Structures are given as C-alpha cells and as structure tokens.
Amino acid sequence: FLGALVARPLIRTPNMIGAGLCRLQGCSLIAEADHRIANHLAMLAGHVRLKAAALARQADPASRAAIGALLGIEAEIAAVARLHRQLSGGAVGAPADLAQALHEVCGPFRAGLSGDVALIEDFEAGCEAAADQILPLVQIVTEVITNALKYTYPECRGGRVVARLRKAGPDAAVIEIADQAPGVPATFHPAS
C-alpha cells in the first residue's frame, strides 16, 4: 500500500516532498494501527468466548452466571470492534444498521445458552442509528440481556428472552428486551 502511494510522481521542492511523504507514512501508520486494533479485539473476543465455553463444560450451576457475564463481555468487545471498523472506514456520523448490530450482540448469548433458555430476535429491517450511537445502545442491550438471563433463569429452568427492534417514526426506533419473569412484587417501592 505504501509503495503504491510513494510510487506516484512527486514534482515538488525537497521540503514539499518530505511533507508529502510524512503524510503518506502517517496514513500507512494509521491503517496499520487500525488493522492491529481490529486483530487484537478479535483475539480478545475469542479468548473470552473460549473461557465461556470452558465454563459451560463444567456441571457446576454456579458457573452459569459467570458464563453470562463472559458472553456479555464478548458481545461488548465485538461491538467496539464493529464500531472501530466503521469509524476507521470513515463512517463517522454515517447511519449504521442497528438491527445488524443487535443481531451480532445476540450471537454470543445464543451460542452460550443451553437448550433450556432461548434468545429470540425480532428485528425490523431498516432501523438505523448514527455510528456513534451504536456502541452505547449495544452496551445497554448487552446489560439488559445479561440481567434477564442471570436473574430470570438462575436455576436453568426453561424460558425465553425476546430482543425486539421496531421503527417508531422516521428518525426513531424502540428496543425492547422481554423475559418471562414474574416481575417485581406488588409490595416493591423504589423509594424504600
């Protein structure tokens, strides 16, 4: 890549050639940094996935919460990696496919769930958000799904969690995470 850029004919003064070469090297260094960041994020997500798989092979019910936490961490790392790819590709402020981002968040959870609990996706196509809004939304969804799995189904009993995305107008969308938990007791008061 750098060779192709440097190979262009430069008919300039020596100072201008040096400045142009520095700009070219800067682009190359940024591209290399982007590549390395993407690789390291992928390795980190893979490492977390392996740790979750190792815990899943154990028969210990207490490891279920740890597996959920690890899958949540993997989903967040993957979201950061996607955002990094978008931003390094010049997509700052460009609309991003929110349904695809949420689908990719659900993947690690589905892979780590036993057959007792199902994670169901219901994402309307065409829902977009600015690239800089994707990461915070993904982090919130990851946390809510983690909590639904951790607190709704702690004894690995059967059930389902539904992740839903739908349009709510030309520039709005609604994200819903629903489970089959009984909810808070009628005697619950947030102030107490």
C-alpha atoms as a PDB file:
ATOM      1  CA  PHE A   1       0.000   0.000   0.000  1.00  0.00           C
ATOM      2  CA  LEU A   2       2.703   2.488   0.949  1.00  0.00           C
ATOM      3  CA  GLY A   3       4.773   1.561  -2.103  1.00  0.00           C
ATOM      4  CA  ALA A   4       1.876   2.383  -4.395  1.00  0.00           C
ATOM      5  CA  LEU A   5       1.413   5.745  -2.732  1.00  0.00           C
ATOM      6  CA  VAL A   6       5.117   6.587  -2.751  1.00  0.00           C
ATOM      7  CA  ALA A   7       5.460   5.487  -6.370  1.00  0.00           C
ATOM      8  CA  ARG A   8       3.365   8.418  -7.549  1.00  0.00           C
ATOM      9  CA  PRO A   9       5.464  11.034  -9.255  1.00  0.00           C
ATOM     10  CA  LEU A  10       6.208  13.958  -6.983  1.00  0.00           C
ATOM     11  CA  ILE A  11       7.398  17.083  -8.762  1.00  0.00           C
ATOM     12  CA  ARG A  12       7.905  19.390  -5.833  1.00  0.00           C
ATOM     13  CA  THR A  13      10.577  21.051  -3.841  1.00  0.00           C
ATOM     14  CA  PRO A  14      12.510  18.875  -1.347  1.00  0.00           C
ATOM     15  CA  ASN A  15      10.606  20.312   1.632  1.00  0.00           C
ATOM     16  CA  MET A  16       7.262  19.605  -0.009  1.00  0.00           C
ATOM     17  CA  ILE A  17       8.328  16.046  -0.872  1.00  0.00           C
ATOM     18  CA  GLY A  18       9.262  15.400   2.760  1.00  0.00           C
ATOM     19  CA  ALA A  19       5.937  16.767   3.989  1.00  0.00           C
ATOM     20  CA  GLY A  20       4.053  14.660   1.436  1.00  0.00           C
ATOM     21  CA  LEU A  21       5.957  11.532   2.405  1.00  0.00           C
ATOM     22  CA  CYS A  22       5.188  12.150   6.103  1.00  0.00           C
ATOM     23  CA  ARG A  23       1.508  12.421   5.274  1.00  0.00           C
ATOM     24  CA  LEU A  24       1.716   9.176   3.310  1.00  0.00           C
ATOM     25  CA  GLN A  25       3.556   7.410   6.102  1.00  0.00           C
ATOM     26  CA  GLY A  26       1.021   8.788   8.589  1.00  0.00           C
ATOM     27  CA  CYS A  27      -1.809   7.256   6.577  1.00  0.00           C
ATOM     28  CA  SER A  28       0.056   3.981   6.422  1.00  0.00           C
ATOM     29  CA  LEU A  29       0.723   4.036  10.171  1.00  0.00           C
ATOM     30  CA  ILE A  30      -2.919   4.773  10.926  1.00  0.00           C
ATOM     31  CA  ALA A  31      -4.034   1.950   8.630  1.00  0.00           C
ATOM     32  CA  GLU A  32      -1.566  -0.405  10.352  1.00  0.00           C
ATOM     33  CA  ALA A  33      -2.803   0.705  13.789  1.00  0.00           C
ATOM     34  CA  ASP A  34      -6.420   0.149  12.696  1.00  0.00           C
ATOM     35  CA  HIS A  35      -5.509  -3.329  11.447  1.00  0.00           C
ATOM     36  CA  ARG A  36      -3.717  -4.235  14.688  1.00  0.00           C
ATOM     37  CA  ILE A  37      -6.547  -2.897  16.847  1.00  0.00           C
ATOM     38  CA  ALA A  38      -9.063  -4.970  14.883  1.00  0.00           C
ATOM     39  CA  ASN A  39      -6.902  -8.091  15.249  1.00  0.00           C
ATOM     40  CA  HIS A  40      -6.408  -7.585  18.981  1.00  0.00           C
ATOM     41  CA  LEU A  41     -10.118  -7.038  19.570  1.00  0.00           C
ATOM     42  CA  ALA A  42     -10.894 -10.232  17.636  1.00  0.00           C
ATOM     43  CA  MET A  43      -8.315 -12.171  19.670  1.00  0.00           C
ATOM     44  CA  LEU A  44      -9.710 -10.787  22.923  1.00  0.00           C
ATOM     45  CA  ALA A  45     -13.293 -11.696  21.966  1.00  0.00           C
ATOM     46  CA  GLY A  46     -12.114 -15.191  21.007  1.00  0.00           C
ATOM     47  CA  HIS A  47     -10.303 -15.603  24.321  1.00  0.00           C
ATOM     48  CA  VAL A  48     -13.408 -14.601  26.267  1.00  0.00           C
ATOM     49  CA  ARG A  49     -15.516 -16.994  24.149  1.00  0.00           C
ATOM     50  CA  LEU A  50     -13.085 -19.857  24.932  1.00  0.00           C
ATOM     51  CA  LYS A  51     -13.282 -19.120  28.665  1.00  0.00           C
ATOM     52  CA  ALA A  52     -17.097 -19.156  28.497  1.00  0.00           C
ATOM     53  CA  ALA A  53     -17.009 -22.476  26.604  1.00  0.00           C
ATOM     54  CA  ALA A  54     -14.662 -23.967  29.224  1.00  0.00           C
ATOM     55  CA  LEU A  55     -17.063 -22.940  31.998  1.00  0.00           C
ATOM     56  CA  ALA A  56     -20.026 -24.323  30.054  1.00  0.00           C
ATOM     57  CA  ARG A  57     -18.394 -27.771  30.035  1.00  0.00           C
ATOM     58  CA  GLN A  58     -18.440 -27.816  33.827  1.00  0.00           C
ATOM     59  CA  ALA A  59     -21.520 -29.200  35.536  1.00  0.00           C
ATOM     60  CA  ASP A  60     -21.435 -26.512  38.217  1.00  0.00           C
ATOM     61  CA  PRO A  61     -24.691 -24.475  38.184  1.00  0.00           C
ATOM     62  CA  ALA A  62     -22.846 -21.554  39.801  1.00  0.00           C
ATOM     63  CA  SER A  63     -20.830 -21.110  36.613  1.00  0.00           C
ATOM     64  CA  ARG A  64     -23.992 -20.094  34.688  1.00  0.00           C
ATOM     65  CA  ALA A  65     -23.749 -16.501  35.950  1.00  0.00           C
ATOM     66  CA  ALA A  66     -20.068 -16.360  35.011  1.00  0.00           C
ATOM     67  CA  ILE A  67     -20.855 -17.691  31.537  1.00  0.00           C
ATOM     68  CA  GLY A  68     -23.498 -14.990  31.082  1.00  0.00           C
ATOM     69  CA  ALA A  69     -21.045 -12.330  32.199  1.00  0.00           C
ATOM     70  CA  LEU A  70     -18.350 -13.597  29.829  1.00  0.00           C
ATOM     71  CA  LEU A  71     -20.782 -13.705  26.912  1.00  0.00           C
ATOM     72  CA  GLY A  72     -21.813 -10.136  27.720  1.00  0.00           C
ATOM     73  CA  ILE A  73     -18.176  -9.058  27.711  1.00  0.00           C
ATOM     74  CA  GLU A  74     -17.616 -10.807  24.384  1.00  0.00           C
ATOM     75  CA  ALA A  75     -20.643  -9.029  22.900  1.00  0.00           C
ATOM     76  CA  GLU A  76     -19.336  -5.653  24.061  1.00  0.00           C
ATOM     77  CA  ILE A  77     -15.848  -6.328  22.651  1.00  0.00           C
ATOM     78  CA  ALA A  78     -17.430  -7.308  19.343  1.00  0.00           C
ATOM     79  CA  ALA A  79     -19.487  -4.091  19.377  1.00  0.00           C
ATOM     80  CA  VAL A  80     -16.369  -1.999  19.967  1.00  0.00           C
ATOM     81  CA  ALA A  81     -14.627  -3.849  17.111  1.00  0.00           C
ATOM     82  CA  ARG A  82     -17.552  -3.164  14.742  1.00  0.00           C
ATOM     83  CA  LEU A  83     -17.630   0.491  15.727  1.00  0.00           C
ATOM     84  CA  HIS A  84     -13.882   0.751  15.232  1.00  0.00           C
ATOM     85  CA  ARG A  85     -14.184  -0.760  11.736  1.00  0.00           C
ATOM     86  CA  GLN A  86     -16.951   1.695  10.859  1.00  0.00           C
ATOM     87  CA  LEU A  87     -15.110   4.719  12.186  1.00  0.00           C
ATOM     88  CA  SER A  88     -11.762   3.744  10.674  1.00  0.00           C
ATOM     89  CA  GLY A  89     -13.538   3.363   7.339  1.00  0.00           C
ATOM     90  CA  GLY A  90     -14.638   6.993   7.502  1.00  0.00           C
ATOM     91  CA  ALA A  91     -18.185   6.318   8.652  1.00  0.00           C
ATOM     92  CA  VAL A  92     -18.246   8.954  11.406  1.00  0.00           C
ATOM     93  CA  GLY A  93     -21.830  10.187  11.668  1.00  0.00           C
ATOM     94  CA  ALA A  94     -22.949   7.879   8.854  1.00  0.00           C
ATOM     95  CA  PRO A  95     -26.021   5.778   9.559  1.00  0.00           C
ATOM     96  CA  ALA A  96     -25.357   2.231  10.711  1.00  0.00           C
ATOM     97  CA  ASP A  97     -27.636  -0.806  10.626  1.00  0.00           C
ATOM     98  CA  LEU A  98     -28.935  -1.089  14.191  1.00  0.00           C
ATOM     99  CA  ALA A  99     -30.679  -4.411  13.515  1.00  0.00           C
ATOM    100  CA  GLN A 100     -27.388  -5.944  12.353  1.00  0.00           C
ATOM    101  CA  ALA A 101     -25.524  -4.589  15.394  1.00  0.00           C
ATOM    102  CA  LEU A 102     -28.129  -6.065  17.752  1.00  0.00           C
ATOM    103  CA  HIS A 103     -28.099  -9.384  15.863  1.00  0.00           C
ATOM    104  CA  GLU A 104     -24.333  -9.585  16.348  1.00  0.00           C
ATOM    105  CA  VAL A 105     -24.769  -8.859  20.069  1.00  0.00           C
ATOM    106  CA  CYS A 106     -27.261 -11.712  20.428  1.00  0.00           C
ATOM    107  CA  GLY A 107     -24.989 -14.232  18.702  1.00  0.00           C
ATOM    108  CA  PRO A 108     -22.590 -14.886  21.605  1.00  0.00           C
ATOM    109  CA  PHE A 109     -25.502 -15.222  24.029  1.00  0.00           C
ATOM    110  CA  ARG A 110     -27.296 -17.744  21.803  1.00  0.00           C
ATOM    111  CA  ALA A 111     -24.098 -19.754  21.381  1.00  0.00           C
ATOM    112  CA  GLY A 112     -23.602 -19.981  25.143  1.00  0.00           C
ATOM    113  CA  LEU A 113     -27.173 -20.802  26.137  1.00  0.00           C
ATOM    114  CA  SER A 114     -28.245 -24.301  26.983  1.00  0.00           C
ATOM    115  CA  GLY A 115     -31.390 -25.647  25.339  1.00  0.00           C
ATOM    116  CA  ASP A 116     -33.384 -24.563  28.395  1.00  0.00           C
ATOM    117  CA  VAL A 117     -33.438 -20.869  27.546  1.00  0.00           C
ATOM    118  CA  ALA A 118     -33.992 -19.371  24.107  1.00  0.00           C
ATOM    119  CA  LEU A 119     -32.958 -15.914  22.950  1.00  0.00           C
ATOM    120  CA  ILE A 120     -35.351 -14.838  20.216  1.00  0.00           C
ATOM    121  CA  GLU A 121     -34.586 -11.954  17.852  1.00  0.00           C
ATOM    122  CA  ASP A 122     -37.325  -9.864  16.289  1.00  0.00           C
ATOM    123  CA  PHE A 123     -35.539  -7.009  14.495  1.00  0.00           C
ATOM    124  CA  GLU A 124     -37.290  -4.857  11.926  1.00  0.00           C
ATOM    125  CA  ALA A 125     -35.133  -4.185   8.890  1.00  0.00           C
ATOM    126  CA  GLY A 126     -34.219  -0.622   8.016  1.00  0.00           C
ATOM    127  CA  CYS A 127     -33.672   0.651  11.559  1.00  0.00           C
ATOM    128  CA  GLU A 128     -30.573   2.816  11.525  1.00  0.00           C
ATOM    129  CA  ALA A 129     -28.647   4.874  14.057  1.00  0.00           C
ATOM    130  CA  ALA A 130     -25.597   7.097  13.822  1.00  0.00           C
ATOM    131  CA  ALA A 131     -22.364   5.122  14.229  1.00  0.00           C
ATOM    132  CA  ASP A 132     -21.550   6.987  17.447  1.00  0.00           C
ATOM    133  CA  GLN A 133     -24.906   5.893  18.941  1.00  0.00           C
ATOM    134  CA  ILE A 134     -24.455   2.187  18.210  1.00  0.00           C
ATOM    135  CA  LEU A 135     -21.955   1.417  20.979  1.00  0.00           C
ATOM    136  CA  PRO A 136     -23.995   2.905  23.861  1.00  0.00           C
ATOM    137  CA  LEU A 137     -27.140   1.157  22.583  1.00  0.00           C
ATOM    138  CA  VAL A 138     -25.309  -2.159  22.269  1.00  0.00           C
ATOM    139  CA  GLN A 139     -23.888  -1.789  25.788  1.00  0.00           C
ATOM    140  CA  ILE A 140     -27.368  -1.182  27.224  1.00  0.00           C
ATOM    141  CA  VAL A 141     -28.876  -4.133  25.338  1.00  0.00           C
ATOM    142  CA  THR A 142     -25.984  -6.374  26.412  1.00  0.00           C
ATOM    143  CA  GLU A 143     -26.509  -5.450  30.061  1.00  0.00           C
ATOM    144  CA  VAL A 144     -30.277  -5.968  29.919  1.00  0.00           C
ATOM    145  CA  ILE A 145     -29.947  -9.373  28.203  1.00  0.00           C
ATOM    146  CA  THR A 146     -27.275 -10.397  30.726  1.00  0.00           C
ATOM    147  CA  ASN A 147     -29.564  -9.415  33.611  1.00  0.00           C
ATOM    148  CA  ALA A 148     -32.556 -11.195  32.066  1.00  0.00           C
ATOM    149  CA  LEU A 149     -30.553 -14.411  31.738  1.00  0.00           C
ATOM    150  CA  LYS A 150     -28.932 -14.076  35.141  1.00  0.00           C
ATOM    151  CA  TYR A 151     -31.970 -13.174  37.243  1.00  0.00           C
ATOM    152  CA  THR A 152     -34.898 -14.638  35.314  1.00  0.00           C
ATOM    153  CA  TYR A 153     -33.439 -18.096  34.777  1.00  0.00           C
ATOM    154  CA  PRO A 154     -30.896 -18.631  37.584  1.00  0.00           C
ATOM    155  CA  GLU A 155     -31.716 -22.336  38.048  1.00  0.00           C
ATOM    156  CA  CYS A 156     -31.507 -23.075  34.304  1.00  0.00           C
ATOM    157  CA  ARG A 157     -35.257 -23.647  34.076  1.00  0.00           C
ATOM    158  CA  GLY A 158     -36.771 -23.238  30.632  1.00  0.00           C
ATOM    159  CA  GLY A 159     -37.872 -19.942  29.240  1.00  0.00           C
ATOM    160  CA  ARG A 160     -37.148 -17.320  26.665  1.00  0.00           C
ATOM    161  CA  VAL A 161     -35.823 -13.813  26.278  1.00  0.00           C
ATOM    162  CA  VAL A 162     -37.056 -11.775  23.316  1.00  0.00           C
ATOM    163  CA  ALA A 163     -34.964  -8.968  21.856  1.00  0.00           C
ATOM    164  CA  ARG A 164     -37.112  -6.740  19.649  1.00  0.00           C
ATOM    165  CA  LEU A 165     -36.381  -3.687  17.489  1.00  0.00           C
ATOM    166  CA  ARG A 166     -39.012  -1.737  15.598  1.00  0.00           C
ATOM    167  CA  LYS A 167     -39.357   1.622  13.917  1.00  0.00           C
ATOM    168  CA  ALA A 168     -41.243   4.271  15.848  1.00  0.00           C
ATOM    169  CA  GLY A 169     -41.204   7.017  13.227  1.00  0.00           C
ATOM    170  CA  PRO A 170     -38.882   8.337  10.547  1.00  0.00           C
ATOM    171  CA  ASP A 171     -35.998   9.016  12.951  1.00  0.00           C
ATOM    172  CA  ALA A 172     -36.880   6.831  15.921  1.00  0.00           C
ATOM    173  CA  ALA A 173     -36.777   3.191  16.949  1.00  0.00           C
ATOM    174  CA  VAL A 174     -37.817   1.185  20.003  1.00  0.00           C
ATOM    175  CA  ILE A 175     -35.666  -1.551  21.501  1.00  0.00           C
ATOM    176  CA  GLU A 176     -37.404  -3.991  23.812  1.00  0.00           C
ATOM    177  CA  ILE A 177     -35.962  -6.863  25.826  1.00  0.00           C
ATOM    178  CA  ALA A 178     -38.673  -9.056  27.380  1.00  0.00           C
ATOM    179  CA  ASP A 179     -38.476 -12.174  29.514  1.00  0.00           C
ATOM    180  CA  GLN A 180     -40.974 -14.393  31.294  1.00  0.00           C
ATOM    181  CA  ALA A 181     -40.058 -13.359  34.813  1.00  0.00           C
ATOM    182  CA  PRO A 182     -42.874 -12.631  37.262  1.00  0.00           C
ATOM    183  CA  GLY A 183     -41.654  -9.048  37.632  1.00  0.00           C
ATOM    184  CA  VAL A 184     -41.216  -7.069  40.791  1.00  0.00           C
ATOM    185  CA  PRO A 185     -43.512  -7.879  43.736  1.00  0.00           C
ATOM    186  CA  ALA A 186     -46.560  -5.685  44.239  1.00  0.00           C
ATOM    187  CA  THR A 187     -45.059  -4.596  47.561  1.00  0.00           C
ATOM    188  CA  PHE A 188     -41.937  -3.197  45.864  1.00  0.00           C
ATOM    189  CA  HIS A 189     -41.470   0.557  46.245  1.00  0.00           C
ATOM    190  CA  PRO A 190     -38.448   2.177  44.551  1.00  0.00           C
ATOM    191  CA  ALA A 191     -38.173   4.818  47.272  1.00  0.00           C
ATOM    192  CA  SER A 192     -37.624   2.235  50.023  1.00  0.00           C
END
